[in-house]
Amino acid sequence: MTPEAAIRVYRRLYLLTLGAVAFVDHRNAKQVRTAARTALAALDPEDFPALTGHLDVVVSTQTDHEVYHGALRQLIDASAAACLGP
């Protein structure tokens, strides 16, 4: 699994729970990207080489709001299909 795919999977699970409302203000994408970049820049590259070595990929994937909207669409579509029954 690529680093981008792993982040997307993690975010889908996380965002549809507490993370959806508690930690990210989805109204201001620039502010979210800045906060993510600042947090990642504080990490020690020796301890977190996968995160610090792919900063642009991590920040862009971490702050891609389509991950949230896509996950909601998948959840709604799956629920609708289940409601139709056999």
C-alpha atoms as a PDB file:
ATOM      1  CA  MET A   1       0.000   0.000   0.000  1.00  0.00           C
ATOM      2  CA  THR A   2       1.383   3.401  -0.899  1.00  0.00           C
ATOM      3  CA  PRO A   3       1.797   6.051   1.808  1.00  0.00           C
ATOM      4  CA  GLU A   4      -1.014   8.055   0.163  1.00  0.00           C
ATOM      5  CA  ALA A   5      -3.409   5.067   0.162  1.00  0.00           C
ATOM      6  CA  ALA A   6      -2.599   4.243   3.784  1.00  0.00           C
ATOM      7  CA  ILE A   7      -3.314   7.825   4.847  1.00  0.00           C
ATOM      8  CA  ARG A   8      -6.614   7.847   2.930  1.00  0.00           C
ATOM      9  CA  VAL A   9      -7.760   4.594   4.566  1.00  0.00           C
ATOM     10  CA  TYR A  10      -6.829   5.837   8.015  1.00  0.00           C
ATOM     11  CA  ARG A  11      -8.538   9.191   7.456  1.00  0.00           C
ATOM     12  CA  ARG A  12     -11.765   7.619   6.237  1.00  0.00           C
ATOM     13  CA  LEU A  13     -12.041   5.592   9.403  1.00  0.00           C
ATOM     14  CA  TYR A  14     -10.986   8.473  11.625  1.00  0.00           C
ATOM     15  CA  LEU A  15     -13.013  11.231   9.977  1.00  0.00           C
ATOM     16  CA  LEU A  16     -16.289   9.387  10.184  1.00  0.00           C
ATOM     17  CA  THR A  17     -15.878   9.197  13.948  1.00  0.00           C
ATOM     18  CA  LEU A  18     -14.715  11.818  16.431  1.00  0.00           C
ATOM     19  CA  GLY A  19     -12.207  13.376  14.063  1.00  0.00           C
ATOM     20  CA  ALA A  20     -14.893  14.634  11.723  1.00  0.00           C
ATOM     21  CA  VAL A  21     -15.914  17.414  14.054  1.00  0.00           C
ATOM     22  CA  ALA A  22     -13.441  17.647  16.882  1.00  0.00           C
ATOM     23  CA  PHE A  23     -10.109  18.447  15.275  1.00  0.00           C
ATOM     24  CA  VAL A  24     -10.460  19.852  11.764  1.00  0.00           C
ATOM     25  CA  ASP A  25     -12.309  22.906  10.545  1.00  0.00           C
ATOM     26  CA  HIS A  26     -13.130  21.884   6.979  1.00  0.00           C
ATOM     27  CA  ARG A  27     -14.224  25.437   6.103  1.00  0.00           C
ATOM     28  CA  ASN A  28     -10.658  26.747   5.801  1.00  0.00           C
ATOM     29  CA  ALA A  29      -8.441  24.400   3.775  1.00  0.00           C
ATOM     30  CA  LYS A  30      -5.427  26.744   3.854  1.00  0.00           C
ATOM     31  CA  GLN A  31      -5.497  26.893   7.647  1.00  0.00           C
ATOM     32  CA  VAL A  32      -5.757  23.100   7.837  1.00  0.00           C
ATOM     33  CA  ARG A  33      -2.754  22.652   5.509  1.00  0.00           C
ATOM     34  CA  THR A  34      -0.699  25.177   7.508  1.00  0.00           C
ATOM     35  CA  ALA A  35      -1.502  23.465  10.809  1.00  0.00           C
ATOM     36  CA  ALA A  36      -0.661  20.032   9.379  1.00  0.00           C
ATOM     37  CA  ARG A  37       2.617  21.247   7.901  1.00  0.00           C
ATOM     38  CA  THR A  38       3.563  22.938  11.196  1.00  0.00           C
ATOM     39  CA  ALA A  39       2.821  19.806  13.221  1.00  0.00           C
ATOM     40  CA  LEU A  40       4.785  17.575  10.848  1.00  0.00           C
ATOM     41  CA  ALA A  41       7.715  19.995  10.739  1.00  0.00           C
ATOM     42  CA  ALA A  42       8.074  19.593  14.503  1.00  0.00           C
ATOM     43  CA  LEU A  43       8.728  15.849  14.153  1.00  0.00           C
ATOM     44  CA  ASP A  44      12.258  14.486  14.333  1.00  0.00           C
ATOM     45  CA  PRO A  45      13.161  13.092  10.889  1.00  0.00           C
ATOM     46  CA  GLU A  46      15.155  10.284  12.500  1.00  0.00           C
ATOM     47  CA  ASP A  47      12.107   9.120  14.467  1.00  0.00           C
ATOM     48  CA  PHE A  48       9.514   9.706  11.725  1.00  0.00           C
ATOM     49  CA  PRO A  49      11.287   9.347   8.361  1.00  0.00           C
ATOM     50  CA  ALA A  50       8.166   8.234   6.450  1.00  0.00           C
ATOM     51  CA  LEU A  51       6.244  11.345   7.502  1.00  0.00           C
ATOM     52  CA  THR A  52       9.010  13.933   7.299  1.00  0.00           C
ATOM     53  CA  GLY A  53      10.469  12.474   4.106  1.00  0.00           C
ATOM     54  CA  HIS A  54       7.191  12.787   2.224  1.00  0.00           C
ATOM     55  CA  LEU A  55       5.960  16.083   3.648  1.00  0.00           C
ATOM     56  CA  ASP A  56       4.204  17.345   0.507  1.00  0.00           C
ATOM     57  CA  VAL A  57       2.385  14.035  -0.057  1.00  0.00           C
ATOM     58  CA  VAL A  58       1.391  13.744   3.598  1.00  0.00           C
ATOM     59  CA  VAL A  59       0.109  17.327   3.852  1.00  0.00           C
ATOM     60  CA  SER A  60      -1.845  17.231   0.594  1.00  0.00           C
ATOM     61  CA  THR A  61      -3.393  13.849   1.386  1.00  0.00           C
ATOM     62  CA  GLN A  62      -4.015  14.674   5.040  1.00  0.00           C
ATOM     63  CA  THR A  63      -5.873  17.851   4.124  1.00  0.00           C
ATOM     64  CA  ASP A  64      -7.796  16.568   1.079  1.00  0.00           C
ATOM     65  CA  HIS A  65     -11.420  17.162   2.060  1.00  0.00           C
ATOM     66  CA  GLU A  66     -12.619  14.898  -0.754  1.00  0.00           C
ATOM     67  CA  VAL A  67     -11.518  11.966   1.428  1.00  0.00           C
ATOM     68  CA  TYR A  68     -14.243  12.935   3.903  1.00  0.00           C
ATOM     69  CA  HIS A  69     -16.899  13.606   1.293  1.00  0.00           C
ATOM     70  CA  GLY A  70     -16.026  10.425  -0.618  1.00  0.00           C
ATOM     71  CA  ALA A  71     -16.256   8.341   2.541  1.00  0.00           C
ATOM     72  CA  LEU A  72     -19.671   9.817   3.330  1.00  0.00           C
ATOM     73  CA  ARG A  73     -20.858   9.006  -0.201  1.00  0.00           C
ATOM     74  CA  GLN A  74     -19.633   5.421   0.154  1.00  0.00           C
ATOM     75  CA  LEU A  75     -21.379   5.062   3.501  1.00  0.00           C
ATOM     76  CA  ILE A  76     -24.641   6.499   2.132  1.00  0.00           C
ATOM     77  CA  ASP A  77     -24.495   4.332  -1.003  1.00  0.00           C
ATOM     78  CA  ALA A  78     -23.809   1.197   1.051  1.00  0.00           C
ATOM     79  CA  SER A  79     -26.652   2.033   3.406  1.00  0.00           C
ATOM     80  CA  ALA A  80     -29.039   2.696   0.533  1.00  0.00           C
ATOM     81  CA  ALA A  81     -28.145  -0.606  -1.110  1.00  0.00           C
ATOM     82  CA  ALA A  82     -28.670  -2.454   2.187  1.00  0.00           C
ATOM     83  CA  CYS A  83     -32.077  -0.804   2.623  1.00  0.00           C
ATOM     84  CA  LEU A  84     -33.267  -2.073  -0.759  1.00  0.00           C
ATOM     85  CA  GLY A  85     -32.911  -5.626   0.480  1.00  0.00           C
ATOM     86  CA  PRO A  86     -32.530  -8.802  -1.588  1.00  0.00           C
END
